[in-house]
C-alpha atoms as a PDB file:
ATOM      1  CA  MET A   1     -32.002  27.874  -9.130  1.00  0.00           C
ATOM      2  CA  GLU A   2     -29.421  25.623  -8.806  1.00  0.00           C
ATOM      3  CA  ASP A   3     -27.980  24.487  -5.765  1.00  0.00           C
ATOM      4  CA  LYS A   4     -24.223  25.354  -5.986  1.00  0.00           C
ATOM      5  CA  ALA A   5     -23.478  24.508  -2.213  1.00  0.00           C
ATOM      6  CA  ILE A   6     -21.992  20.967  -3.255  1.00  0.00           C
ATOM      7  CA  GLU A   7     -19.320  22.626  -5.543  1.00  0.00           C
ATOM      8  CA  GLY A   8     -15.796  22.752  -5.208  1.00  0.00           C
ATOM      9  CA  VAL A   9     -16.388  19.439  -2.604  1.00  0.00           C
ATOM     10  CA  ASP A  10     -13.552  16.872  -3.045  1.00  0.00           C
ATOM     11  CA  VAL A  11     -14.037  13.474  -2.598  1.00  0.00           C
ATOM     12  CA  GLU A  12     -11.572  10.789  -3.052  1.00  0.00           C
ATOM     13  CA  ILE A  13     -12.956   7.766  -4.358  1.00  0.00           C
ATOM     14  CA  SER A  14     -11.340   4.220  -4.390  1.00  0.00           C
ATOM     15  CA  VAL A  15     -12.001   0.674  -5.183  1.00  0.00           C
ATOM     16  CA  VAL A  16     -10.660  -2.433  -3.044  1.00  0.00           C
ATOM     17  CA  LEU A  17     -10.521  -5.243  -4.939  1.00  0.00           C
ATOM     18  CA  GLY A  18      -8.492  -7.400  -2.155  1.00  0.00           C
ATOM     19  CA  LYS A  19      -5.747  -6.978   0.352  1.00  0.00           C
ATOM     20  CA  ALA A  20      -1.914  -8.031   0.695  1.00  0.00           C
ATOM     21  CA  VAL A  21       0.284  -8.126   3.526  1.00  0.00           C
ATOM     22  CA  MET A  22       3.861  -7.722   2.104  1.00  0.00           C
ATOM     23  CA  PRO A  23       7.422  -6.666   3.656  1.00  0.00           C
ATOM     24  CA  ILE A  24       8.217  -3.358   2.117  1.00  0.00           C
ATOM     25  CA  HIS A  25      11.712  -4.610   0.818  1.00  0.00           C
ATOM     26  CA  GLN A  26       9.696  -7.046  -1.049  1.00  0.00           C
ATOM     27  CA  LEU A  27       7.727  -4.414  -2.837  1.00  0.00           C
ATOM     28  CA  LEU A  28      10.224  -2.231  -3.438  1.00  0.00           C
ATOM     29  CA  LYS A  29      12.080  -4.778  -5.495  1.00  0.00           C
ATOM     30  CA  MET A  30       8.789  -5.305  -7.490  1.00  0.00           C
ATOM     31  CA  GLY A  31       9.020  -4.121 -11.400  1.00  0.00           C
ATOM     32  CA  ARG A  32       6.632  -3.119 -13.936  1.00  0.00           C
ATOM     33  CA  GLY A  33       4.676  -6.075 -14.748  1.00  0.00           C
ATOM     34  CA  ALA A  34       4.812  -7.832 -11.104  1.00  0.00           C
ATOM     35  CA  VAL A  35       1.893  -9.843  -9.776  1.00  0.00           C
ATOM     36  CA  ILE A  36       0.154  -9.248  -6.004  1.00  0.00           C
ATOM     37  CA  GLU A  37      -1.639 -12.184  -4.772  1.00  0.00           C
ATOM     38  CA  LEU A  38      -4.698 -10.602  -2.992  1.00  0.00           C
ATOM     39  CA  ASP A  39      -6.889 -12.403  -0.161  1.00  0.00           C
ATOM     40  CA  ALA A  40     -10.419 -12.321  -2.803  1.00  0.00           C
ATOM     41  CA  ASN A  41     -11.663 -14.832  -4.991  1.00  0.00           C
ATOM     42  CA  ALA A  42     -12.752 -13.494  -8.497  1.00  0.00           C
ATOM     43  CA  ASN A  43     -16.533 -13.419  -7.463  1.00  0.00           C
ATOM     44  CA  ASP A  44     -15.980 -11.277  -4.285  1.00  0.00           C
ATOM     45  CA  ASP A  45     -17.227  -7.714  -5.106  1.00  0.00           C
ATOM     46  CA  ALA A  46     -15.162  -4.907  -5.037  1.00  0.00           C
ATOM     47  CA  VAL A  47     -15.673  -2.561  -1.684  1.00  0.00           C
ATOM     48  CA  VAL A  48     -16.373   1.322  -3.157  1.00  0.00           C
ATOM     49  CA  LEU A  49     -14.895   3.429  -0.398  1.00  0.00           C
ATOM     50  CA  ALA A  50     -15.749   7.820  -0.821  1.00  0.00           C
ATOM     51  CA  ASN A  51     -12.798   9.650   1.529  1.00  0.00           C
ATOM     52  CA  ASN A  52     -11.841   6.091   3.052  1.00  0.00           C
ATOM     53  CA  GLN A  53     -15.580   5.024   4.331  1.00  0.00           C
ATOM     54  CA  PRO A  54     -17.300   2.369   2.672  1.00  0.00           C
ATOM     55  CA  ILE A  55     -20.125   3.085   0.393  1.00  0.00           C
ATOM     56  CA  ALA A  56     -21.274   0.764  -1.783  1.00  0.00           C
ATOM     57  CA  TYR A  57     -20.244  -2.869  -3.295  1.00  0.00           C
ATOM     58  CA  GLY A  58     -19.689  -3.483  -6.702  1.00  0.00           C
ATOM     59  CA  GLU A  59     -19.019  -5.776  -9.539  1.00  0.00           C
ATOM     60  CA  ILE A  60     -15.783  -5.261 -11.824  1.00  0.00           C
ATOM     61  CA  ILE A  61     -16.632  -5.028 -15.598  1.00  0.00           C
ATOM     62  CA  ILE A  62     -14.571  -5.001 -18.466  1.00  0.00           C
ATOM     63  CA  VAL A  63     -15.359  -2.820 -21.631  1.00  0.00           C
ATOM     64  CA  ASP A  64     -13.149  -2.487 -24.564  1.00  0.00           C
ATOM     65  CA  ASP A  65     -10.190  -1.604 -22.657  1.00  0.00           C
ATOM     66  CA  ASN A  66     -11.604   0.471 -19.871  1.00  0.00           C
ATOM     67  CA  ILE A  67     -12.355  -1.048 -16.506  1.00  0.00           C
ATOM     68  CA  GLY A  68     -15.022  -0.106 -14.475  1.00  0.00           C
ATOM     69  CA  VAL A  69     -17.390  -1.113 -11.325  1.00  0.00           C
ATOM     70  CA  SER A  70     -21.188  -1.643 -11.769  1.00  0.00           C
ATOM     71  CA  ILE A  71     -22.513  -1.436  -8.379  1.00  0.00           C
ATOM     72  CA  THR A  72     -24.455  -3.887  -6.486  1.00  0.00           C
ATOM     73  CA  ASP A  73     -24.997  -2.762  -3.499  1.00  0.00           C
ATOM     74  CA  ASN A  74     -25.343   0.039  -1.118  1.00  0.00           C
ATOM     75  CA  VAL A  75     -23.604  -0.132   2.511  1.00  0.00           C
ATOM     76  CA  LYS A  76     -26.622   0.499   4.260  1.00  0.00           C
ATOM     77  CA  ASN A  77     -28.112  -2.176   2.941  1.00  0.00           C
ATOM     78  CA  ASN A  78     -25.717  -4.881   4.203  1.00  0.00           C
ATOM     79  CA  GLN A  79     -24.601  -3.109   7.544  1.00  0.00           C
ATOM     80  CA  GLN A  80     -25.837  -6.310   9.372  1.00  0.00           C
ATOM     81  CA  ASP A  81     -23.037  -8.178   7.605  1.00  0.00           C
ATOM     82  CA  MET A  82     -20.425  -5.846   8.480  1.00  0.00           C
END
């Protein structure tokens, strides 16, 4: 018998590549194709969030025209680093 207790539960997944701070007027002036400089390096891990809570670290991978995240570690293994 299948366990259906979690069916219908919504989880918002986000991936944070880096952060940037800028005035809202500058953000509003940006057009399509604008580049925002982040505080991360190309080799930094991305942080995977579930409902705005960090759950894993990963690296960005690109396959053909698709972008994905390869999970490298979970947050519980790295909590001493946080």
